[in-house]
C-alpha atoms as a PDB file:
ATOM      1  CA  MET A   1     -15.315  51.724   1.111  1.00  0.00           C
ATOM      2  CA  LYS A   2     -14.034  51.137  -2.399  1.00  0.00           C
ATOM      3  CA  ASP A   3     -10.536  52.221  -1.334  1.00  0.00           C
ATOM      4  CA  ASP A   4     -10.643  49.712   1.536  1.00  0.00           C
ATOM      5  CA  GLN A   5     -11.580  46.901  -0.835  1.00  0.00           C
ATOM      6  CA  SER A   6      -8.920  47.795  -3.374  1.00  0.00           C
ATOM      7  CA  SER A   7      -6.214  48.090  -0.692  1.00  0.00           C
ATOM      8  CA  ALA A   8      -7.297  44.753   0.791  1.00  0.00           C
ATOM      9  CA  ARG A   9      -7.176  43.194  -2.672  1.00  0.00           C
ATOM     10  CA  ALA A  10      -3.749  44.685  -3.302  1.00  0.00           C
ATOM     11  CA  LYS A  11      -2.505  43.301   0.011  1.00  0.00           C
ATOM     12  CA  ASP A  12      -3.925  39.876  -0.845  1.00  0.00           C
ATOM     13  CA  THR A  13      -2.224  40.029  -4.226  1.00  0.00           C
ATOM     14  CA  GLU A  14       1.077  40.966  -2.608  1.00  0.00           C
ATOM     15  CA  ASP A  15       0.743  38.126  -0.103  1.00  0.00           C
ATOM     16  CA  PHE A  16      -0.121  35.718  -2.904  1.00  0.00           C
ATOM     17  CA  ALA A  17       2.822  36.943  -4.949  1.00  0.00           C
ATOM     18  CA  GLU A  18       5.087  36.245  -1.959  1.00  0.00           C
ATOM     19  CA  GLU A  19       3.733  32.713  -1.824  1.00  0.00           C
ATOM     20  CA  ARG A  20       4.793  32.147  -5.434  1.00  0.00           C
ATOM     21  CA  THR A  21       8.486  32.961  -5.083  1.00  0.00           C
ATOM     22  CA  LEU A  22      11.053  30.236  -5.561  1.00  0.00           C
ATOM     23  CA  SER A  23      12.343  30.569  -2.023  1.00  0.00           C
ATOM     24  CA  SER A  24       8.862  30.309  -0.521  1.00  0.00           C
ATOM     25  CA  ARG A  25       8.111  27.230  -2.617  1.00  0.00           C
ATOM     26  CA  GLN A  26      11.377  25.653  -1.492  1.00  0.00           C
ATOM     27  CA  ARG A  27      10.489  26.377   2.149  1.00  0.00           C
ATOM     28  CA  ALA A  28       7.078  24.750   1.640  1.00  0.00           C
ATOM     29  CA  ARG A  29       8.652  21.699  -0.002  1.00  0.00           C
ATOM     30  CA  SER A  30      11.204  21.266   2.765  1.00  0.00           C
ATOM     31  CA  GLN A  31       8.526  21.673   5.441  1.00  0.00           C
ATOM     32  CA  LEU A  32       6.323  19.088   3.727  1.00  0.00           C
ATOM     33  CA  SER A  33       9.260  16.728   3.374  1.00  0.00           C
ATOM     34  CA  ALA A  34      10.093  17.082   7.080  1.00  0.00           C
ATOM     35  CA  GLU A  35       6.468  16.422   8.043  1.00  0.00           C
ATOM     36  CA  VAL A  36       6.329  13.308   5.844  1.00  0.00           C
ATOM     37  CA  GLU A  37       9.575  11.998   7.312  1.00  0.00           C
ATOM     38  CA  ALA A  38       8.257  12.574  10.858  1.00  0.00           C
ATOM     39  CA  PHE A  39       5.007  10.801   9.976  1.00  0.00           C
ATOM     40  CA  LEU A  40       6.848   7.811   8.566  1.00  0.00           C
ATOM     41  CA  ALA A  41       9.221   7.747  11.560  1.00  0.00           C
ATOM     42  CA  ARG A  42       6.218   7.444  13.903  1.00  0.00           C
ATOM     43  CA  GLY A  43       5.158   4.314  12.026  1.00  0.00           C
ATOM     44  CA  GLY A  44       2.765   5.935   9.593  1.00  0.00           C
ATOM     45  CA  ALA A  45       2.273   4.511   6.139  1.00  0.00           C
ATOM     46  CA  ILE A  46       1.442   6.081   2.809  1.00  0.00           C
ATOM     47  CA  ASP A  47      -1.067   4.255   0.640  1.00  0.00           C
ATOM     48  CA  GLU A  48      -1.086   4.834  -3.090  1.00  0.00           C
ATOM     49  CA  VAL A  49      -4.550   5.282  -4.564  1.00  0.00           C
ATOM     50  CA  ALA A  50      -5.282   4.431  -8.183  1.00  0.00           C
ATOM     51  CA  PRO A  51      -6.117   7.479 -10.324  1.00  0.00           C
ATOM     52  CA  ASP A  52      -9.531   6.101 -11.302  1.00  0.00           C
ATOM     53  CA  VAL A  53     -10.750   5.773  -7.693  1.00  0.00           C
ATOM     54  CA  THR A  54     -13.171   8.457  -6.506  1.00  0.00           C
ATOM     55  CA  ALA A  55     -14.559   9.235  -3.076  1.00  0.00           C
ATOM     56  CA  ASP A  56     -18.026   9.904  -4.492  1.00  0.00           C
ATOM     57  CA  PRO A  57     -19.429   6.789  -6.176  1.00  0.00           C
ATOM     58  CA  PRO A  58     -21.771   7.333  -9.109  1.00  0.00           C
ATOM     59  CA  ARG A  59     -25.438   7.654  -8.237  1.00  0.00           C
ATOM     60  CA  LYS A  60     -28.392   6.098  -9.954  1.00  0.00           C
ATOM     61  CA  PRO A  61     -30.042   8.620 -12.284  1.00  0.00           C
ATOM     62  CA  GLN A  62     -33.295   9.992 -10.937  1.00  0.00           C
ATOM     63  CA  PRO A  63     -36.156  10.740 -13.286  1.00  0.00           C
ATOM     64  CA  LYS A  64     -36.822  14.436 -12.775  1.00  0.00           C
ATOM     65  CA  TYR A  65     -38.264  15.228 -16.192  1.00  0.00           C
ATOM     66  CA  GLY A  66     -41.681  16.761 -15.747  1.00  0.00           C
ATOM     67  CA  SER A  67     -41.504  16.706 -11.953  1.00  0.00           C
ATOM     68  CA  ARG A  68     -42.226  20.428 -11.710  1.00  0.00           C
ATOM     69  CA  PRO A  69     -45.884  21.470 -11.648  1.00  0.00           C
ATOM     70  CA  ILE A  70     -47.140  23.645 -14.483  1.00  0.00           C
END
């Protein structure tokens, strides 16, 4: 079983290494660029979001001190 795990890990590492090559990154960039162009051509719009905007608004602190029974 240990050999199976190590060979699977080695395969994952090889696949990940392939994803990090310059040519693979260029392919990903060109694919993303083509998808963005197609989206914009269909009438889509890209909205810019300010860096300080979060999807999860802050919550009110809840008093939990001493809430656990002794």
